[in-house]
Amino acid sequence: MNLQMYSFFKSIIFSGILTISFGFNSFAQINQVDAQGKKQGDWVKTYDDSDDIRYKGQFKNDKPVGKFIFYYPTGQVRSIISHDENSNRSEAFYYETTKELIAHGIYKGEKKDSVWTHFLPTGHYSFTETYKNGLLHGERITYYGREAVENPKIKLILRKTNFENGKPEGKFVEYFPDGIIKSEGQYLDGALNGVILKNHANGKTMIEERWKNKKKHGWWITYDESGKELGRIYYRNGVQLEGDILTKYLEKLQKEGVNPNN
């Protein structure tokens, strides 16, 4: 072997050694913990019993910093979460396996906070909701999809509901696509309360419901589209009364001056 050829093979072998060494050194720099057991630097985790990557990201003193990318087992991006190094706030984007954005919102620590927006696979808005300390707290708005509006950028409201500490509370209202009220009423401590009205498409009342202490209570009345009454049923604490039992009970309430709906 002449000197020139020897030098050529020597350079190839040396380059290979460098490449292998660099690969081992790079691998050695991921998934590290310090002397206190805190995660530091680049981390890559796989799914159990699989080489498929679950997430990639960086830690500093056991705290996630910067951008974390989570993957489906298929390799598609499942979510991207960007962490603020100077606070416990992070911004999250979630994706379908078909790459469409399906949710966007804020975390404080590991709990949802502020307004979260959800999307349908068509790109239409699905609903927005407000969180505080991981619980629904504020207005939740649901939107119509492609069945009612072609342009995905248009927010056509289907329903508005208020929440307090994770439970529906206060007034709710639901709309037909043309804006006419479809139903409306109140929640109390997470349950329907008082008079709930459900309407025909022309806006006339279709059903008049009454609720008390999470149970049907009072007259439930149905109407046709002209407003004519079609029938009524009476409930007392969730139990339907009829016949002589109902007659005697209503007579008793009348003598006592009590409204049967109360």
C-alpha atoms as a PDB file:
ATOM      1  CA  MET A   1       0.000   0.000   0.000  1.00  0.00           C
ATOM      2  CA  ASN A   2       1.555   3.326  -1.013  1.00  0.00           C
ATOM      3  CA  LEU A   3       1.758   6.314   1.288  1.00  0.00           C
ATOM      4  CA  GLN A   4      -1.024   8.236  -0.429  1.00  0.00           C
ATOM      5  CA  MET A   5      -3.512   5.374  -0.122  1.00  0.00           C
ATOM      6  CA  TYR A   6      -2.470   4.756   3.495  1.00  0.00           C
ATOM      7  CA  SER A   7      -3.144   8.412   4.353  1.00  0.00           C
ATOM      8  CA  PHE A   8      -6.544   8.195   2.633  1.00  0.00           C
ATOM      9  CA  PHE A   9      -7.730   5.179   4.642  1.00  0.00           C
ATOM     10  CA  LYS A  10      -6.282   6.644   7.825  1.00  0.00           C
ATOM     11  CA  SER A  11      -8.344   9.792   7.394  1.00  0.00           C
ATOM     12  CA  ILE A  12     -11.534   7.746   6.820  1.00  0.00           C
ATOM     13  CA  ILE A  13     -10.950   5.621   9.916  1.00  0.00           C
ATOM     14  CA  PHE A  14     -10.200   8.699  12.019  1.00  0.00           C
ATOM     15  CA  SER A  15     -13.365  10.428  10.792  1.00  0.00           C
ATOM     16  CA  GLY A  16     -15.397   7.347  11.656  1.00  0.00           C
ATOM     17  CA  ILE A  17     -13.998   7.263  15.160  1.00  0.00           C
ATOM     18  CA  LEU A  18     -14.871  10.931  15.616  1.00  0.00           C
ATOM     19  CA  THR A  19     -18.406  10.344  14.373  1.00  0.00           C
ATOM     20  CA  ILE A  20     -18.952   7.394  16.700  1.00  0.00           C
ATOM     21  CA  SER A  21     -17.460   9.282  19.621  1.00  0.00           C
ATOM     22  CA  PHE A  22     -19.626  12.313  18.918  1.00  0.00           C
ATOM     23  CA  GLY A  23     -22.702  10.094  18.756  1.00  0.00           C
ATOM     24  CA  PHE A  24     -21.960   8.531  22.136  1.00  0.00           C
ATOM     25  CA  ASN A  25     -21.187  11.932  23.655  1.00  0.00           C
ATOM     26  CA  SER A  26     -24.427  13.409  22.302  1.00  0.00           C
ATOM     27  CA  PHE A  27     -26.453  10.473  23.626  1.00  0.00           C
ATOM     28  CA  ALA A  28     -24.753  10.818  26.979  1.00  0.00           C
ATOM     29  CA  GLN A  29     -25.951  14.419  27.240  1.00  0.00           C
ATOM     30  CA  ILE A  30     -29.668  13.605  27.244  1.00  0.00           C
ATOM     31  CA  ASN A  31     -31.905  12.471  30.118  1.00  0.00           C
ATOM     32  CA  GLN A  32     -29.444  13.673  32.740  1.00  0.00           C
ATOM     33  CA  VAL A  33     -30.039  14.383  36.418  1.00  0.00           C
ATOM     34  CA  ASP A  34     -27.709  16.299  38.727  1.00  0.00           C
ATOM     35  CA  ALA A  35     -26.377  15.285  42.135  1.00  0.00           C
ATOM     36  CA  GLN A  36     -29.670  16.354  43.739  1.00  0.00           C
ATOM     37  CA  GLY A  37     -31.660  14.168  41.346  1.00  0.00           C
ATOM     38  CA  LYS A  38     -33.035  17.126  39.374  1.00  0.00           C
ATOM     39  CA  LYS A  39     -33.524  16.844  35.636  1.00  0.00           C
ATOM     40  CA  GLN A  40     -31.138  19.008  33.629  1.00  0.00           C
ATOM     41  CA  GLY A  41     -30.712  19.721  29.914  1.00  0.00           C
ATOM     42  CA  ASP A  42     -32.190  17.834  26.964  1.00  0.00           C
ATOM     43  CA  TRP A  43     -34.653  15.029  27.595  1.00  0.00           C
ATOM     44  CA  VAL A  44     -36.180  12.537  25.183  1.00  0.00           C
ATOM     45  CA  LYS A  45     -38.742  10.018  26.419  1.00  0.00           C
ATOM     46  CA  THR A  46     -40.282   7.119  24.511  1.00  0.00           C
ATOM     47  CA  TYR A  47     -43.542   5.262  24.927  1.00  0.00           C
ATOM     48  CA  ASP A  48     -43.445   2.206  27.186  1.00  0.00           C
ATOM     49  CA  ASP A  49     -42.158  -0.921  25.432  1.00  0.00           C
ATOM     50  CA  SER A  50     -41.477   1.090  22.294  1.00  0.00           C
ATOM     51  CA  ASP A  51     -38.809   3.184  20.586  1.00  0.00           C
ATOM     52  CA  ASP A  52     -41.448   5.674  19.466  1.00  0.00           C
ATOM     53  CA  ILE A  53     -40.704   9.112  20.882  1.00  0.00           C
ATOM     54  CA  ARG A  54     -43.281  10.437  23.340  1.00  0.00           C
ATOM     55  CA  TYR A  55     -41.736  13.882  23.915  1.00  0.00           C
ATOM     56  CA  LYS A  56     -38.628  16.027  23.502  1.00  0.00           C
ATOM     57  CA  GLY A  57     -37.743  19.012  25.658  1.00  0.00           C
ATOM     58  CA  GLN A  58     -35.394  20.653  28.115  1.00  0.00           C
ATOM     59  CA  PHE A  59     -35.310  20.882  31.898  1.00  0.00           C
ATOM     60  CA  LYS A  60     -33.578  23.301  34.208  1.00  0.00           C
ATOM     61  CA  ASN A  61     -33.489  22.333  37.871  1.00  0.00           C
ATOM     62  CA  ASP A  62     -36.296  19.828  37.297  1.00  0.00           C
ATOM     63  CA  LYS A  63     -38.494  22.478  35.675  1.00  0.00           C
ATOM     64  CA  PRO A  64     -39.481  22.260  31.994  1.00  0.00           C
ATOM     65  CA  VAL A  65     -38.224  25.273  30.027  1.00  0.00           C
ATOM     66  CA  GLY A  66     -38.675  26.350  26.450  1.00  0.00           C
ATOM     67  CA  LYS A  67     -40.518  24.259  23.889  1.00  0.00           C
ATOM     68  CA  PHE A  68     -41.661  20.685  24.528  1.00  0.00           C
ATOM     69  CA  ILE A  69     -42.939  18.649  21.600  1.00  0.00           C
ATOM     70  CA  PHE A  70     -45.177  15.637  22.252  1.00  0.00           C
ATOM     71  CA  TYR A  71     -45.813  12.992  19.606  1.00  0.00           C
ATOM     72  CA  TYR A  72     -48.397  10.368  18.766  1.00  0.00           C
ATOM     73  CA  PRO A  73     -46.931   6.834  18.447  1.00  0.00           C
ATOM     74  CA  THR A  74     -47.215   7.370  14.679  1.00  0.00           C
ATOM     75  CA  GLY A  75     -44.692  10.213  14.876  1.00  0.00           C
ATOM     76  CA  GLN A  76     -47.193  13.008  14.220  1.00  0.00           C
ATOM     77  CA  VAL A  77     -46.994  16.010  16.529  1.00  0.00           C
ATOM     78  CA  ARG A  78     -49.583  15.703  19.283  1.00  0.00           C
ATOM     79  CA  SER A  79     -48.914  18.947  21.129  1.00  0.00           C
ATOM     80  CA  ILE A  80     -46.415  21.778  21.473  1.00  0.00           C
ATOM     81  CA  ILE A  81     -46.084  23.361  24.896  1.00  0.00           C
ATOM     82  CA  SER A  82     -43.874  26.404  25.401  1.00  0.00           C
ATOM     83  CA  HIS A  83     -42.797  27.076  28.990  1.00  0.00           C
ATOM     84  CA  ASP A  84     -41.870  30.492  30.348  1.00  0.00           C
ATOM     85  CA  GLU A  85     -38.565  30.152  32.182  1.00  0.00           C
ATOM     86  CA  ASN A  86     -39.366  33.078  34.494  1.00  0.00           C
ATOM     87  CA  SER A  87     -42.837  31.949  35.610  1.00  0.00           C
ATOM     88  CA  ASN A  88     -45.051  28.876  35.884  1.00  0.00           C
ATOM     89  CA  ARG A  89     -46.970  29.883  32.757  1.00  0.00           C
ATOM     90  CA  SER A  90     -46.985  27.804  29.569  1.00  0.00           C
ATOM     91  CA  GLU A  91     -48.793  28.035  26.244  1.00  0.00           C
ATOM     92  CA  ALA A  92     -50.171  24.854  24.681  1.00  0.00           C
ATOM     93  CA  PHE A  93     -51.209  23.849  21.168  1.00  0.00           C
ATOM     94  CA  TYR A  94     -52.876  20.457  20.574  1.00  0.00           C
ATOM     95  CA  TYR A  95     -53.211  18.766  17.189  1.00  0.00           C
ATOM     96  CA  GLU A  96     -55.194  15.956  15.588  1.00  0.00           C
ATOM     97  CA  THR A  97     -53.364  13.022  14.031  1.00  0.00           C
ATOM     98  CA  THR A  98     -54.300  14.658  10.726  1.00  0.00           C
ATOM     99  CA  LYS A  99     -52.322  17.781  11.791  1.00  0.00           C
ATOM    100  CA  GLU A 100     -55.310  20.105  12.372  1.00  0.00           C
ATOM    101  CA  LEU A 101     -55.144  22.355  15.437  1.00  0.00           C
ATOM    102  CA  ILE A 102     -57.825  21.205  17.894  1.00  0.00           C
ATOM    103  CA  ALA A 103     -57.073  23.245  21.050  1.00  0.00           C
ATOM    104  CA  HIS A 104     -55.059  26.181  22.295  1.00  0.00           C
ATOM    105  CA  GLY A 105     -54.735  27.564  25.805  1.00  0.00           C
ATOM    106  CA  ILE A 106     -52.665  28.491  28.842  1.00  0.00           C
ATOM    107  CA  TYR A 107     -51.449  26.472  31.807  1.00  0.00           C
ATOM    108  CA  LYS A 108     -50.325  27.850  35.133  1.00  0.00           C
ATOM    109  CA  GLY A 109     -48.299  25.064  36.622  1.00  0.00           C
ATOM    110  CA  GLU A 110     -50.132  21.936  35.538  1.00  0.00           C
ATOM    111  CA  LYS A 111     -53.602  23.503  35.705  1.00  0.00           C
ATOM    112  CA  LYS A 112     -55.564  25.091  32.873  1.00  0.00           C
ATOM    113  CA  ASP A 113     -56.001  28.846  33.203  1.00  0.00           C
ATOM    114  CA  SER A 114     -57.572  31.735  31.272  1.00  0.00           C
ATOM    115  CA  VAL A 115     -59.365  31.182  27.952  1.00  0.00           C
ATOM    116  CA  TRP A 116     -59.039  27.892  26.056  1.00  0.00           C
ATOM    117  CA  THR A 117     -60.171  27.629  22.439  1.00  0.00           C
ATOM    118  CA  HIS A 118     -61.175  24.342  20.795  1.00  0.00           C
ATOM    119  CA  PHE A 119     -61.579  23.664  17.082  1.00  0.00           C
ATOM    120  CA  LEU A 120     -63.358  21.112  14.910  1.00  0.00           C
ATOM    121  CA  PRO A 121     -61.374  19.094  12.330  1.00  0.00           C
ATOM    122  CA  THR A 122     -62.983  21.333   9.679  1.00  0.00           C
ATOM    123  CA  GLY A 123     -61.231  24.367  11.199  1.00  0.00           C
ATOM    124  CA  HIS A 124     -64.456  25.772  12.632  1.00  0.00           C
ATOM    125  CA  TYR A 125     -64.515  26.988  16.202  1.00  0.00           C
ATOM    126  CA  SER A 126     -65.971  24.336  18.514  1.00  0.00           C
ATOM    127  CA  PHE A 127     -66.069  26.120  21.877  1.00  0.00           C
ATOM    128  CA  THR A 128     -64.179  28.519  24.114  1.00  0.00           C
ATOM    129  CA  GLU A 129     -64.076  28.210  27.878  1.00  0.00           C
ATOM    130  CA  THR A 130     -62.478  30.024  30.781  1.00  0.00           C
ATOM    131  CA  TYR A 131     -60.484  28.361  33.569  1.00  0.00           C
ATOM    132  CA  LYS A 132     -59.206  29.381  36.967  1.00  0.00           C
ATOM    133  CA  ASN A 133     -56.932  27.063  38.960  1.00  0.00           C
ATOM    134  CA  GLY A 134     -57.822  24.179  36.671  1.00  0.00           C
ATOM    135  CA  LEU A 135     -61.593  24.586  37.043  1.00  0.00           C
ATOM    136  CA  LEU A 136     -64.119  26.063  34.634  1.00  0.00           C
ATOM    137  CA  HIS A 137     -64.760  29.561  35.897  1.00  0.00           C
ATOM    138  CA  GLY A 138     -66.370  32.094  33.601  1.00  0.00           C
ATOM    139  CA  GLU A 139     -68.170  31.908  30.288  1.00  0.00           C
ATOM    140  CA  ARG A 140     -68.238  28.840  28.046  1.00  0.00           C
ATOM    141  CA  ILE A 141     -69.379  29.515  24.486  1.00  0.00           C
ATOM    142  CA  THR A 142     -70.240  26.729  22.040  1.00  0.00           C
ATOM    143  CA  TYR A 143     -70.347  27.463  18.297  1.00  0.00           C
ATOM    144  CA  TYR A 144     -72.094  25.980  15.286  1.00  0.00           C
ATOM    145  CA  GLY A 145     -69.942  24.028  12.839  1.00  0.00           C
ATOM    146  CA  ARG A 146     -70.058  23.538   9.102  1.00  0.00           C
ATOM    147  CA  GLU A 147     -73.672  22.340   9.242  1.00  0.00           C
ATOM    148  CA  ALA A 148     -74.709  25.947   9.901  1.00  0.00           C
ATOM    149  CA  VAL A 149     -71.848  28.147   8.669  1.00  0.00           C
ATOM    150  CA  GLU A 150     -69.492  27.558   5.734  1.00  0.00           C
ATOM    151  CA  ASN A 151     -66.709  29.991   6.641  1.00  0.00           C
ATOM    152  CA  PRO A 152     -64.657  28.513   9.526  1.00  0.00           C
ATOM    153  CA  LYS A 153     -63.568  31.999  10.621  1.00  0.00           C
ATOM    154  CA  ILE A 154     -67.137  32.980  11.499  1.00  0.00           C
ATOM    155  CA  LYS A 155     -68.151  32.339  15.117  1.00  0.00           C
ATOM    156  CA  LEU A 156     -71.850  31.497  15.095  1.00  0.00           C
ATOM    157  CA  ILE A 157     -72.940  31.085  18.706  1.00  0.00           C
ATOM    158  CA  LEU A 158     -74.921  27.997  19.666  1.00  0.00           C
ATOM    159  CA  ARG A 159     -74.875  28.274  23.467  1.00  0.00           C
ATOM    160  CA  LYS A 160     -73.558  30.432  26.310  1.00  0.00           C
ATOM    161  CA  THR A 161     -73.174  29.060  29.819  1.00  0.00           C
ATOM    162  CA  ASN A 162     -71.530  30.553  32.887  1.00  0.00           C
ATOM    163  CA  PHE A 163     -69.432  28.470  35.306  1.00  0.00           C
ATOM    164  CA  GLU A 164     -68.213  28.996  38.849  1.00  0.00           C
ATOM    165  CA  ASN A 165     -65.605  26.685  40.355  1.00  0.00           C
ATOM    166  CA  GLY A 166     -66.278  23.942  37.835  1.00  0.00           C
ATOM    167  CA  LYS A 167     -70.096  24.010  37.954  1.00  0.00           C
ATOM    168  CA  PRO A 168     -72.695  25.727  35.736  1.00  0.00           C
ATOM    169  CA  GLU A 169     -74.042  28.738  37.596  1.00  0.00           C
ATOM    170  CA  GLY A 170     -76.455  31.492  36.635  1.00  0.00           C
ATOM    171  CA  LYS A 171     -78.060  32.181  33.289  1.00  0.00           C
ATOM    172  CA  PHE A 172     -77.627  30.108  30.126  1.00  0.00           C
ATOM    173  CA  VAL A 173     -78.985  30.736  26.646  1.00  0.00           C
ATOM    174  CA  GLU A 174     -79.019  28.644  23.464  1.00  0.00           C
ATOM    175  CA  TYR A 175     -79.680  29.939  19.932  1.00  0.00           C
ATOM    176  CA  PHE A 176     -80.945  28.728  16.592  1.00  0.00           C
ATOM    177  CA  PRO A 177     -78.553  29.513  13.691  1.00  0.00           C
ATOM    178  CA  ASP A 178     -80.588  32.618  12.791  1.00  0.00           C
ATOM    179  CA  GLY A 179     -80.128  34.043  16.302  1.00  0.00           C
ATOM    180  CA  ILE A 180     -83.582  33.235  17.690  1.00  0.00           C
ATOM    181  CA  ILE A 181     -83.402  31.923  21.244  1.00  0.00           C
ATOM    182  CA  LYS A 182     -83.756  28.151  21.335  1.00  0.00           C
ATOM    183  CA  SER A 183     -83.751  27.758  25.115  1.00  0.00           C
ATOM    184  CA  GLU A 184     -82.883  29.761  28.213  1.00  0.00           C
ATOM    185  CA  GLY A 185     -82.894  29.461  31.972  1.00  0.00           C
ATOM    186  CA  GLN A 186     -80.784  29.309  35.098  1.00  0.00           C
ATOM    187  CA  TYR A 187     -78.384  26.975  36.897  1.00  0.00           C
ATOM    188  CA  LEU A 188     -77.938  26.849  40.642  1.00  0.00           C
ATOM    189  CA  ASP A 189     -75.028  24.891  42.117  1.00  0.00           C
ATOM    190  CA  GLY A 190     -74.576  22.961  38.881  1.00  0.00           C
ATOM    191  CA  ALA A 191     -78.236  22.011  38.364  1.00  0.00           C
ATOM    192  CA  LEU A 192     -81.159  23.476  36.423  1.00  0.00           C
ATOM    193  CA  ASN A 193     -83.252  25.759  38.615  1.00  0.00           C
ATOM    194  CA  GLY A 194     -86.486  27.700  38.210  1.00  0.00           C
ATOM    195  CA  VAL A 195     -88.255  28.163  34.871  1.00  0.00           C
ATOM    196  CA  ILE A 196     -86.545  26.767  31.760  1.00  0.00           C
ATOM    197  CA  LEU A 197     -88.012  27.782  28.403  1.00  0.00           C
ATOM    198  CA  LYS A 198     -87.503  25.780  25.214  1.00  0.00           C
ATOM    199  CA  ASN A 199     -88.725  27.420  22.032  1.00  0.00           C
ATOM    200  CA  HIS A 200     -89.938  26.591  18.554  1.00  0.00           C
ATOM    201  CA  ALA A 201     -87.867  27.864  15.619  1.00  0.00           C
ATOM    202  CA  ASN A 202     -90.231  30.875  15.368  1.00  0.00           C
ATOM    203  CA  GLY A 203     -89.343  31.922  18.914  1.00  0.00           C
ATOM    204  CA  LYS A 204     -92.646  30.866  20.496  1.00  0.00           C
ATOM    205  CA  THR A 205     -92.426  28.785  23.677  1.00  0.00           C
ATOM    206  CA  MET A 206     -92.544  25.030  23.049  1.00  0.00           C
ATOM    207  CA  ILE A 207     -91.961  23.688  26.579  1.00  0.00           C
ATOM    208  CA  GLU A 208     -92.115  25.482  29.903  1.00  0.00           C
ATOM    209  CA  GLU A 209     -90.184  23.489  32.512  1.00  0.00           C
ATOM    210  CA  ARG A 210     -89.817  24.081  36.247  1.00  0.00           C
ATOM    211  CA  TRP A 211     -87.020  22.800  38.483  1.00  0.00           C
ATOM    212  CA  LYS A 212     -86.361  23.060  42.203  1.00  0.00           C
ATOM    213  CA  ASN A 213     -83.588  21.469  44.275  1.00  0.00           C
ATOM    214  CA  LYS A 214     -82.392  19.506  41.221  1.00  0.00           C
ATOM    215  CA  LYS A 215     -85.846  17.973  40.714  1.00  0.00           C
ATOM    216  CA  LYS A 216     -88.845  18.642  38.495  1.00  0.00           C
ATOM    217  CA  HIS A 217     -91.282  20.740  40.514  1.00  0.00           C
ATOM    218  CA  GLY A 218     -94.414  22.592  39.406  1.00  0.00           C
ATOM    219  CA  TRP A 219     -96.312  22.701  36.114  1.00  0.00           C
ATOM    220  CA  TRP A 220     -94.611  21.520  32.935  1.00  0.00           C
ATOM    221  CA  ILE A 221     -96.519  22.921  29.974  1.00  0.00           C
ATOM    222  CA  THR A 222     -96.204  22.286  26.209  1.00  0.00           C
ATOM    223  CA  TYR A 223     -97.371  24.628  23.405  1.00  0.00           C
ATOM    224  CA  ASP A 224     -97.726  24.480  19.641  1.00  0.00           C
ATOM    225  CA  GLU A 225     -96.033  26.963  17.289  1.00  0.00           C
ATOM    226  CA  SER A 226     -98.947  29.419  17.597  1.00  0.00           C
ATOM    227  CA  GLY A 227     -98.692  29.529  21.392  1.00  0.00           C
ATOM    228  CA  LYS A 228    -101.712  27.305  22.056  1.00  0.00           C
ATOM    229  CA  GLU A 229    -101.347  25.041  25.083  1.00  0.00           C
ATOM    230  CA  LEU A 230    -101.186  21.353  24.203  1.00  0.00           C
ATOM    231  CA  GLY A 231    -100.965  19.855  27.660  1.00  0.00           C
ATOM    232  CA  ARG A 232     -99.522  20.074  31.125  1.00  0.00           C
ATOM    233  CA  ILE A 233     -98.049  17.766  33.786  1.00  0.00           C
ATOM    234  CA  TYR A 234     -97.570  18.503  37.452  1.00  0.00           C
ATOM    235  CA  TYR A 235     -94.507  17.433  39.464  1.00  0.00           C
ATOM    236  CA  ARG A 236     -93.897  17.618  43.187  1.00  0.00           C
ATOM    237  CA  ASN A 237     -90.257  17.146  44.192  1.00  0.00           C
ATOM    238  CA  GLY A 238     -89.582  15.037  41.110  1.00  0.00           C
ATOM    239  CA  VAL A 239     -92.720  12.889  41.370  1.00  0.00           C
ATOM    240  CA  GLN A 240     -95.562  13.260  38.871  1.00  0.00           C
ATOM    241  CA  LEU A 241     -98.982  13.789  40.479  1.00  0.00           C
ATOM    242  CA  GLU A 242    -102.214  13.061  38.640  1.00  0.00           C
ATOM    243  CA  GLY A 243    -105.871  12.177  39.136  1.00  0.00           C
ATOM    244  CA  ASP A 244    -107.449  12.531  42.589  1.00  0.00           C
ATOM    245  CA  ILE A 245    -104.069  12.878  44.262  1.00  0.00           C
ATOM    246  CA  LEU A 246    -103.284  15.943  42.138  1.00  0.00           C
ATOM    247  CA  THR A 247    -106.769  17.431  42.650  1.00  0.00           C
ATOM    248  CA  LYS A 248    -106.608  17.132  46.427  1.00  0.00           C
ATOM    249  CA  TYR A 249    -103.070  18.491  46.540  1.00  0.00           C
ATOM    250  CA  LEU A 250    -103.959  21.564  44.450  1.00  0.00           C
ATOM    251  CA  GLU A 251    -107.036  22.216  46.634  1.00  0.00           C
ATOM    252  CA  LYS A 252    -104.832  22.072  49.695  1.00  0.00           C
ATOM    253  CA  LEU A 253    -102.357  24.557  48.207  1.00  0.00           C
ATOM    254  CA  GLN A 254    -105.209  26.889  47.230  1.00  0.00           C
ATOM    255  CA  LYS A 255    -106.598  26.933  50.769  1.00  0.00           C
ATOM    256  CA  GLU A 256    -103.129  27.714  52.108  1.00  0.00           C
ATOM    257  CA  GLY A 257    -102.596  30.423  49.494  1.00  0.00           C
ATOM    258  CA  VAL A 258     -99.509  28.682  48.121  1.00  0.00           C
ATOM    259  CA  ASN A 259     -98.521  28.885  44.439  1.00  0.00           C
ATOM    260  CA  PRO A 260     -98.196  25.298  43.110  1.00  0.00           C
ATOM    261  CA  ASN A 261     -95.063  26.300  41.217  1.00  0.00           C
ATOM    262  CA  ASN A 262     -93.277  27.300  44.416  1.00  0.00           C
END
